[in-house]
Protein backbone atom coordinates (compact mmCIF):
# COMPACT_ATOMS: atom_id res chain seq x y z
CA MET A 1 -19.22 19.00 18.58
CA SER A 2 -15.67 17.93 17.60
CA LYS A 3 -14.91 14.93 15.72
CA GLY A 4 -13.20 13.09 18.61
CA THR A 5 -16.15 13.18 20.95
CA ARG A 6 -19.05 12.46 18.53
CA LYS A 7 -20.25 8.82 18.53
CA GLU A 8 -19.66 7.41 15.09
CA GLU A 9 -23.11 6.40 13.60
CA ARG A 10 -23.22 3.38 11.37
CA SER A 11 -25.38 2.57 8.62
CA PRO A 12 -27.06 -0.65 9.17
CA PHE A 13 -26.81 -3.26 6.48
CA GLN A 14 -30.33 -4.54 4.94
CA PRO A 15 -31.81 -7.46 6.46
CA TRP A 16 -30.92 -9.99 3.51
CA MET A 17 -27.31 -8.84 3.92
CA THR A 18 -26.50 -9.80 7.52
CA THR A 19 -27.81 -12.14 10.41
CA SER A 20 -27.22 -9.36 12.77
CA PRO A 21 -30.56 -8.31 14.45
CA SER A 22 -29.71 -4.61 14.42
CA GLY A 23 -28.18 -4.60 11.03
CA ILE A 24 -24.90 -3.45 12.43
CA GLU A 25 -21.49 -5.25 11.68
CA LYS A 26 -18.50 -4.82 13.37
CA LYS A 27 -16.27 -5.85 10.31
CA TYR A 28 -17.07 -5.68 6.76
CA VAL A 29 -15.56 -5.37 3.22
CA ARG A 30 -15.99 -2.54 1.18
CA ILE A 31 -15.90 -2.98 -2.67
CA GLY A 32 -15.92 0.15 -5.02
CA LEU A 33 -18.38 -0.02 -7.93
CA THR A 34 -15.52 1.40 -10.31
CA MET A 35 -13.53 -1.70 -9.44
CA VAL A 36 -16.59 -4.00 -10.11
CA LYS A 37 -16.99 -2.65 -13.62
CA THR A 38 -13.27 -3.30 -14.82
CA ASP A 39 -12.38 -5.97 -17.02
CA ALA A 40 -10.11 -7.46 -14.36
CA PHE A 41 -12.85 -7.97 -11.73
CA LYS A 42 -15.32 -9.26 -14.35
CA ALA A 43 -12.63 -11.81 -15.33
CA LEU A 44 -12.10 -13.33 -11.64
CA THR A 45 -13.08 -16.90 -11.15
CA GLY A 46 -15.42 -17.62 -7.99
CA GLY A 47 -12.26 -18.99 -6.42
CA GLU A 48 -10.30 -15.82 -6.94
CA MET A 49 -13.00 -13.53 -5.77
CA LYS A 50 -13.58 -15.44 -2.63
CA THR A 51 -9.82 -15.25 -1.89
CA LEU A 52 -9.72 -11.54 -2.65
CA PHE A 53 -12.65 -10.83 -0.40
CA ALA A 54 -11.07 -13.08 2.43
CA LEU A 55 -7.53 -11.24 2.05
CA TYR A 56 -9.45 -7.88 2.16
CA PHE A 57 -11.27 -8.90 5.34
CA HIS A 58 -8.17 -10.14 6.90
CA ALA A 59 -6.11 -7.11 6.16
CA ALA A 60 -8.79 -4.97 7.87
CA GLY A 61 -7.90 -1.87 5.93
CA ARG A 62 -4.09 -2.38 5.90
CA GLU A 63 -2.48 -2.42 2.39
CA THR A 64 0.03 -5.24 3.48
CA LEU A 65 -0.76 -8.42 5.29
CA THR A 66 0.50 -12.09 5.99
CA PHE A 67 -2.04 -14.50 5.22
CA THR A 68 -1.63 -17.75 7.11
CA ARG A 69 -3.03 -21.20 6.97
CA LEU A 70 -5.16 -20.60 9.92
CA ALA A 71 -6.63 -17.43 8.08
CA MET A 72 -7.10 -19.67 4.93
CA ASN A 73 -8.99 -22.32 7.04
CA ASP A 74 -11.11 -19.52 8.74
CA ALA A 75 -12.05 -18.28 5.18
CA GLY A 76 -13.01 -21.86 4.14
CA ILE A 77 -10.14 -22.12 1.52
CA THR A 78 -7.76 -24.91 0.92
CA LYS A 79 -4.17 -24.40 0.55
CA PRO A 80 -4.21 -25.68 -3.29
CA ALA A 81 -7.30 -23.31 -3.75
CA PHE A 82 -5.61 -20.38 -2.40
CA TYR A 83 -2.35 -20.80 -4.60
CA ARG A 84 -4.68 -21.19 -7.75
CA ALA A 85 -6.52 -18.03 -6.86
CA LEU A 86 -3.50 -16.19 -5.99
CA ASP A 87 -2.04 -17.00 -9.50
CA GLY A 88 -4.92 -15.33 -11.04
CA LEU A 89 -5.11 -12.44 -8.78
CA ILE A 90 -1.39 -11.70 -9.45
CA GLU A 91 -2.11 -12.01 -13.10
CA LYS A 92 -4.75 -9.54 -12.92
CA GLY A 93 -3.07 -7.05 -10.88
CA PHE A 94 -4.96 -7.40 -7.66
CA ILE A 95 -2.03 -8.64 -5.43
CA HIS A 96 1.82 -8.44 -5.26
CA VAL A 97 3.74 -11.10 -3.35
CA GLU A 98 6.87 -10.96 -1.34
CA ARG A 99 7.98 -14.68 -1.17
CA HIS A 100 9.92 -15.43 1.88
CA THR A 101 12.54 -18.15 1.55
CA LEU A 102 12.96 -19.15 5.15
CA PRO A 103 10.82 -22.06 6.25
CA GLY A 104 7.77 -21.48 8.24
CA GLN A 105 7.84 -17.79 7.28
CA PRO A 106 4.52 -16.55 5.72
CA ASN A 107 4.80 -14.78 2.27
CA THR A 108 3.88 -10.97 2.49
CA TYR A 109 1.04 -9.91 0.26
CA THR A 110 0.49 -6.36 -0.91
CA PHE A 111 -2.83 -5.05 -2.60
CA ALA A 112 -1.94 -3.38 -6.03
CA ARG A 113 -4.04 -1.28 -8.18
CA ASP A 114 -2.69 -2.60 -11.45
CA TRP A 115 -6.15 -4.06 -11.92
CA ALA A 116 -7.47 -0.67 -13.24
CA ASP A 117 -5.40 -1.18 -16.50
CA TRP A 118 -5.72 -4.79 -16.97
CA LYS A 119 -7.28 -5.74 -20.26
CA ARG A 120 -8.80 -8.98 -20.98
CA PRO A 121 -6.70 -10.89 -23.70
CA ASN A 122 -8.28 -11.20 -27.30
CA LEU A 123 -9.10 -14.99 -27.54
CA THR A 124 -11.51 -14.76 -30.52
CA ASN A 125 -9.61 -16.43 -33.02
CA LEU A 126 -8.06 -19.20 -30.61
CA ASN A 127 -11.03 -21.54 -30.85
CA ARG A 128 -11.57 -21.41 -34.74
CA GLN A 129 -10.82 -24.60 -36.64
CA GLU A 130 -8.76 -24.44 -39.65
CA PRO A 131 -10.14 -26.38 -42.29
CA LYS A 132 -8.41 -29.65 -43.04
CA LYS A 133 -5.96 -29.67 -45.90
CA SER A 134 -6.12 -32.39 -48.74
CA ASN A 135 -2.92 -33.23 -50.74
CA SER A 136 -4.94 -33.70 -53.93
CA GLY A 137 -5.46 -30.13 -54.92
CA SER A 138 -9.31 -30.51 -54.25
CA PRO A 139 -11.10 -28.10 -52.02
CA PRO A 140 -10.32 -28.36 -48.23
CA VAL A 141 -12.45 -31.04 -46.35
CA ARG A 142 -14.72 -29.61 -43.79
CA ASP A 143 -16.75 -31.63 -40.84
CA PRO A 144 -20.28 -32.32 -42.06
CA PRO A 145 -22.79 -30.15 -40.48
CA ARG A 146 -24.61 -31.65 -37.63
CA ARG A 147 -28.40 -32.43 -37.82
CA PRO A 148 -30.45 -30.50 -35.24
CA GLY A 149 -31.97 -32.46 -32.62
CA THR A 150 -29.94 -35.47 -32.97
CA GLY A 151 -27.19 -34.87 -30.73
CA GLY A 152 -24.78 -34.71 -33.43
CA ILE A 153 -25.41 -38.20 -34.87
């Protein structure tokens, strides 16, 4: 049988993954395991992940798309949340944006593959407190240790 005449067989989703009684979905999003295991994907916030999946779903397999406010509303994403998430998706290499300058023209979004090379910034030393310095030449003053079970009092 040639490919064009053969009916495409679809694998049903598991019952806990769909509300369709047959398990067959007309549209769905595919995410590769190699993407899920990257530093960039692991660093996504919940809002960034929701926005990325909404963009994938809306794009329907295309590399470039426009994402209107109507599409945002359909995905349950507010305008401020979308733009917050978009900043993170751009920074982590998932999306490139072509911003239109004409009023009423939606921006064009292109999926990128820069996420594959993105590395989490090294933040290990940023939260360490330096000891307080004294002017008297005596050893530096440190905060006293907190007693366990007292809430620090």
